[in-house]
Amino acid sequence: MTLMRFDPFRDLERLTEQALAGARGPRAMPMEAFRRDDQFVVALDLPGVDPGEVDVTVEQNVVTVHAHRAPLRREGDELLVDERPQGEFSRQFFLGDNLDSARLSAEFDRGVLMLGIPVAEASKPRKVEIGGGAETAKKPRIAEGASREEHANV
């Protein structure tokens, strides 16, 4: 699974958003990703977003999450401070070939979107049986208790 672990431009994005409050485009959402047993888990923070406003799509090995959060204020409210991010949120990440994107699952609880992506069966560790080769099948076995010389004279 390919994930960006460090985003040096996150603080720059926040400062730019504050400076250009009117020109807001889709923003990334904070993410945590880890492996638990035979599954990768991705947690995305979406506080204040209605579950009906979240859309998760998978195309080949690309997962895209879109969300929308509307402001709480209504027409006629006097705005004093507006620091809560609102509008469109978007995040994309790529899945490795070792993951089964067809069985991706999603749950939304307390403002956190949890995605579960199982490891593909072909990528799970398995025990490989060692069989005898063609030469082993052709060689006669020496009976227990018989010496090599006795066996060669037969």
C-alpha atoms as a PDB file:
ATOM      1  CA  MET A   1       0.000   0.000   0.000  1.00  0.00           C
ATOM      2  CA  THR A   2       1.460   3.327  -0.959  1.00  0.00           C
ATOM      3  CA  LEU A   3       0.790   6.143   1.464  1.00  0.00           C
ATOM      4  CA  MET A   4       2.482   9.489   1.986  1.00  0.00           C
ATOM      5  CA  ARG A   5       3.695   9.433   5.579  1.00  0.00           C
ATOM      6  CA  PHE A   6       4.846  13.057   5.799  1.00  0.00           C
ATOM      7  CA  ASP A   7       3.161  16.012   4.137  1.00  0.00           C
ATOM      8  CA  PRO A   8       5.418  19.077   4.397  1.00  0.00           C
ATOM      9  CA  PHE A   9       2.859  21.253   2.631  1.00  0.00           C
ATOM     10  CA  ARG A  10       0.034  20.718   5.153  1.00  0.00           C
ATOM     11  CA  ASP A  11       0.885  23.808   7.250  1.00  0.00           C
ATOM     12  CA  LEU A  12       1.399  25.853   4.110  1.00  0.00           C
ATOM     13  CA  GLU A  13      -2.058  24.748   2.926  1.00  0.00           C
ATOM     14  CA  ARG A  14      -3.627  25.863   6.222  1.00  0.00           C
ATOM     15  CA  LEU A  15      -1.972  29.284   6.035  1.00  0.00           C
ATOM     16  CA  THR A  16      -3.047  29.698   2.427  1.00  0.00           C
ATOM     17  CA  GLU A  17      -6.637  28.764   3.331  1.00  0.00           C
ATOM     18  CA  GLN A  18      -6.712  31.390   6.057  1.00  0.00           C
ATOM     19  CA  ALA A  19      -5.264  34.063   3.760  1.00  0.00           C
ATOM     20  CA  LEU A  20      -7.589  33.218   0.883  1.00  0.00           C
ATOM     21  CA  ALA A  21     -10.747  32.422   2.844  1.00  0.00           C
ATOM     22  CA  GLY A  22     -13.029  32.897  -0.161  1.00  0.00           C
ATOM     23  CA  ALA A  23     -11.080  30.661  -2.587  1.00  0.00           C
ATOM     24  CA  ARG A  24     -11.533  27.254  -1.022  1.00  0.00           C
ATOM     25  CA  GLY A  25     -11.083  24.100  -3.075  1.00  0.00           C
ATOM     26  CA  PRO A  26     -11.146  20.437  -2.043  1.00  0.00           C
ATOM     27  CA  ARG A  27      -8.901  19.784   0.948  1.00  0.00           C
ATOM     28  CA  ALA A  28      -7.268  16.611   2.166  1.00  0.00           C
ATOM     29  CA  MET A  29      -8.477  14.919   5.326  1.00  0.00           C
ATOM     30  CA  PRO A  30      -6.166  13.655   8.100  1.00  0.00           C
ATOM     31  CA  MET A  31      -5.440   9.946   7.754  1.00  0.00           C
ATOM     32  CA  GLU A  32      -3.972   7.074   9.761  1.00  0.00           C
ATOM     33  CA  ALA A  33      -3.141   3.726   8.129  1.00  0.00           C
ATOM     34  CA  PHE A  34      -1.903   0.470   9.634  1.00  0.00           C
ATOM     35  CA  ARG A  35      -1.937  -3.288   9.131  1.00  0.00           C
ATOM     36  CA  ARG A  36      -3.914  -5.453  11.539  1.00  0.00           C
ATOM     37  CA  ASP A  37      -3.530  -9.190  10.934  1.00  0.00           C
ATOM     38  CA  ASP A  38      -4.643  -9.893   7.330  1.00  0.00           C
ATOM     39  CA  GLN A  39      -6.184  -6.477   6.742  1.00  0.00           C
ATOM     40  CA  PHE A  40      -5.052  -2.904   6.152  1.00  0.00           C
ATOM     41  CA  VAL A  41      -7.050  -0.285   8.032  1.00  0.00           C
ATOM     42  CA  VAL A  42      -7.301   3.346   6.944  1.00  0.00           C
ATOM     43  CA  ALA A  43      -8.933   5.893   9.275  1.00  0.00           C
ATOM     44  CA  LEU A  44      -9.919   9.298   7.885  1.00  0.00           C
ATOM     45  CA  ASP A  45     -11.027  12.148  10.154  1.00  0.00           C
ATOM     46  CA  LEU A  46     -14.245  13.813   8.993  1.00  0.00           C
ATOM     47  CA  PRO A  47     -15.633  15.575  12.072  1.00  0.00           C
ATOM     48  CA  GLY A  48     -18.988  17.231  11.578  1.00  0.00           C
ATOM     49  CA  VAL A  49     -19.615  15.519   8.230  1.00  0.00           C
ATOM     50  CA  ASP A  50     -22.934  13.759   7.729  1.00  0.00           C
ATOM     51  CA  PRO A  51     -22.403  10.097   6.665  1.00  0.00           C
ATOM     52  CA  GLY A  52     -24.700  10.720   3.681  1.00  0.00           C
ATOM     53  CA  GLU A  53     -22.224  13.345   2.436  1.00  0.00           C
ATOM     54  CA  VAL A  54     -19.336  10.842   2.197  1.00  0.00           C
ATOM     55  CA  ASP A  55     -18.589   9.005  -1.038  1.00  0.00           C
ATOM     56  CA  VAL A  56     -15.982   6.217  -1.368  1.00  0.00           C
ATOM     57  CA  THR A  57     -15.065   4.840  -4.801  1.00  0.00           C
ATOM     58  CA  VAL A  58     -12.543   2.251  -5.961  1.00  0.00           C
ATOM     59  CA  GLU A  59     -11.277   2.184  -9.524  1.00  0.00           C
ATOM     60  CA  GLN A  60      -8.675  -0.492 -10.200  1.00  0.00           C
ATOM     61  CA  ASN A  61      -6.199   0.115  -7.367  1.00  0.00           C
ATOM     62  CA  VAL A  62      -7.128   3.762  -6.581  1.00  0.00           C
ATOM     63  CA  VAL A  63      -9.402   4.608  -3.640  1.00  0.00           C
ATOM     64  CA  THR A  64     -11.016   8.046  -3.686  1.00  0.00           C
ATOM     65  CA  VAL A  65     -12.902   9.562  -0.745  1.00  0.00           C
ATOM     66  CA  HIS A  66     -15.031  12.688  -1.224  1.00  0.00           C
ATOM     67  CA  ALA A  67     -16.932  14.453   1.536  1.00  0.00           C
ATOM     68  CA  HIS A  68     -18.882  17.667   1.967  1.00  0.00           C
ATOM     69  CA  ARG A  69     -19.391  19.658   5.170  1.00  0.00           C
ATOM     70  CA  ALA A  70     -21.788  22.560   5.163  1.00  0.00           C
ATOM     71  CA  PRO A  71     -21.476  25.448   7.620  1.00  0.00           C
ATOM     72  CA  LEU A  72     -23.759  25.382  10.666  1.00  0.00           C
ATOM     73  CA  ARG A  73     -24.774  29.032  10.346  1.00  0.00           C
ATOM     74  CA  ARG A  74     -28.013  29.987   8.667  1.00  0.00           C
ATOM     75  CA  GLU A  75     -29.203  32.943   6.674  1.00  0.00           C
ATOM     76  CA  GLY A  76     -29.272  36.009   8.910  1.00  0.00           C
ATOM     77  CA  ASP A  77     -26.675  34.739  11.429  1.00  0.00           C
ATOM     78  CA  GLU A  78     -23.900  37.191  12.247  1.00  0.00           C
ATOM     79  CA  LEU A  79     -20.542  35.548  11.573  1.00  0.00           C
ATOM     80  CA  LEU A  80     -17.975  36.282  14.287  1.00  0.00           C
ATOM     81  CA  VAL A  81     -15.286  33.663  13.646  1.00  0.00           C
ATOM     82  CA  ASP A  82     -15.017  31.087  10.848  1.00  0.00           C
ATOM     83  CA  GLU A  83     -12.115  28.686  11.459  1.00  0.00           C
ATOM     84  CA  ARG A  84     -13.924  25.398  10.846  1.00  0.00           C
ATOM     85  CA  PRO A  85     -13.066  23.863   7.496  1.00  0.00           C
ATOM     86  CA  GLN A  86     -16.122  23.480   5.313  1.00  0.00           C
ATOM     87  CA  GLY A  87     -16.921  22.665   1.742  1.00  0.00           C
ATOM     88  CA  GLU A  88     -15.384  19.826  -0.278  1.00  0.00           C
ATOM     89  CA  PHE A  89     -12.832  17.368   1.106  1.00  0.00           C
ATOM     90  CA  SER A  90     -11.017  14.834  -1.021  1.00  0.00           C
ATOM     91  CA  ARG A  91      -8.355  12.164  -0.526  1.00  0.00           C
ATOM     92  CA  GLN A  92      -6.905   9.584  -2.896  1.00  0.00           C
ATOM     93  CA  PHE A  93      -4.511   6.740  -2.262  1.00  0.00           C
ATOM     94  CA  PHE A  94      -3.187   3.792  -4.188  1.00  0.00           C
ATOM     95  CA  LEU A  95      -3.518   0.160  -3.146  1.00  0.00           C
ATOM     96  CA  GLY A  96      -0.749  -2.332  -3.794  1.00  0.00           C
ATOM     97  CA  ASP A  97      -1.379  -5.482  -5.808  1.00  0.00           C
ATOM     98  CA  ASN A  98      -1.225  -7.459  -2.563  1.00  0.00           C
ATOM     99  CA  LEU A  99      -4.603  -6.022  -1.425  1.00  0.00           C
ATOM    100  CA  ASP A 100      -8.100  -7.168  -2.416  1.00  0.00           C
ATOM    101  CA  SER A 101      -9.858  -3.932  -3.419  1.00  0.00           C
ATOM    102  CA  ALA A 102     -13.027  -5.856  -4.384  1.00  0.00           C
ATOM    103  CA  ARG A 103     -13.619  -6.648  -0.691  1.00  0.00           C
ATOM    104  CA  LEU A 104     -12.987  -3.114   0.654  1.00  0.00           C
ATOM    105  CA  SER A 105     -15.374  -2.237   3.489  1.00  0.00           C
ATOM    106  CA  ALA A 106     -16.286   1.149   4.995  1.00  0.00           C
ATOM    107  CA  GLU A 107     -17.791   2.228   8.327  1.00  0.00           C
ATOM    108  CA  PHE A 108     -18.491   5.727   9.624  1.00  0.00           C
ATOM    109  CA  ASP A 109     -18.579   6.314  13.376  1.00  0.00           C
ATOM    110  CA  ARG A 110     -18.159   9.494  15.467  1.00  0.00           C
ATOM    111  CA  GLY A 111     -16.684  11.471  12.573  1.00  0.00           C
ATOM    112  CA  VAL A 112     -14.144   8.822  11.558  1.00  0.00           C
ATOM    113  CA  LEU A 113     -14.382   6.902   8.295  1.00  0.00           C
ATOM    114  CA  MET A 114     -12.783   3.463   8.691  1.00  0.00           C
ATOM    115  CA  LEU A 115     -11.814   1.550   5.557  1.00  0.00           C
ATOM    116  CA  GLY A 116     -10.842  -2.113   5.768  1.00  0.00           C
ATOM    117  CA  ILE A 117      -8.878  -3.589   2.876  1.00  0.00           C
ATOM    118  CA  PRO A 118      -8.108  -7.317   3.167  1.00  0.00           C
ATOM    119  CA  VAL A 119      -4.829  -8.781   1.992  1.00  0.00           C
ATOM    120  CA  ALA A 120      -5.368 -10.784  -1.213  1.00  0.00           C
ATOM    121  CA  GLU A 121      -5.394 -14.560  -0.727  1.00  0.00           C
ATOM    122  CA  ALA A 122      -2.507 -14.960  -3.183  1.00  0.00           C
ATOM    123  CA  SER A 123      -0.381 -12.604  -1.043  1.00  0.00           C
ATOM    124  CA  LYS A 124      -0.928 -14.337   2.288  1.00  0.00           C
ATOM    125  CA  PRO A 125       1.921 -16.473   3.626  1.00  0.00           C
ATOM    126  CA  ARG A 126       1.407 -20.161   2.968  1.00  0.00           C
ATOM    127  CA  LYS A 127       3.314 -23.374   3.573  1.00  0.00           C
ATOM    128  CA  VAL A 128       4.804 -24.945   0.467  1.00  0.00           C
ATOM    129  CA  GLU A 129       5.013 -28.737   0.433  1.00  0.00           C
ATOM    130  CA  ILE A 130       8.274 -30.153  -0.851  1.00  0.00           C
ATOM    131  CA  GLY A 131       7.769 -33.118  -3.104  1.00  0.00           C
ATOM    132  CA  GLY A 132      10.236 -35.587  -4.581  1.00  0.00           C
ATOM    133  CA  GLY A 133      11.579 -34.860  -8.032  1.00  0.00           C
ATOM    134  CA  ALA A 134      11.579 -37.263 -11.011  1.00  0.00           C
ATOM    135  CA  GLU A 135      14.988 -38.659  -9.999  1.00  0.00           C
ATOM    136  CA  THR A 136      13.749 -39.542  -6.519  1.00  0.00           C
ATOM    137  CA  ALA A 137      10.871 -41.577  -7.957  1.00  0.00           C
ATOM    138  CA  LYS A 138      13.218 -43.627 -10.227  1.00  0.00           C
ATOM    139  CA  LYS A 139      15.771 -44.525  -7.535  1.00  0.00           C
ATOM    140  CA  PRO A 140      14.942 -47.673  -5.583  1.00  0.00           C
ATOM    141  CA  ARG A 141      14.845 -47.206  -1.849  1.00  0.00           C
ATOM    142  CA  ILE A 142      17.199 -49.179   0.357  1.00  0.00           C
ATOM    143  CA  ALA A 143      15.301 -51.387   2.753  1.00  0.00           C
ATOM    144  CA  GLU A 144      15.939 -50.802   6.428  1.00  0.00           C
ATOM    145  CA  GLY A 145      18.610 -53.057   7.802  1.00  0.00           C
ATOM    146  CA  ALA A 146      20.095 -53.851   4.340  1.00  0.00           C
ATOM    147  CA  SER A 147      23.496 -52.475   3.461  1.00  0.00           C
ATOM    148  CA  ARG A 148      24.265 -50.604   0.268  1.00  0.00           C
ATOM    149  CA  GLU A 149      26.390 -53.538  -0.969  1.00  0.00           C
ATOM    150  CA  GLU A 150      23.554 -56.012  -0.500  1.00  0.00           C
ATOM    151  CA  HIS A 151      21.198 -53.693  -2.307  1.00  0.00           C
ATOM    152  CA  ALA A 152      23.651 -53.221  -5.204  1.00  0.00           C
ATOM    153  CA  ASN A 153      23.988 -57.006  -5.668  1.00  0.00           C
ATOM    154  CA  VAL A 154      20.264 -57.515  -6.080  1.00  0.00           C
END
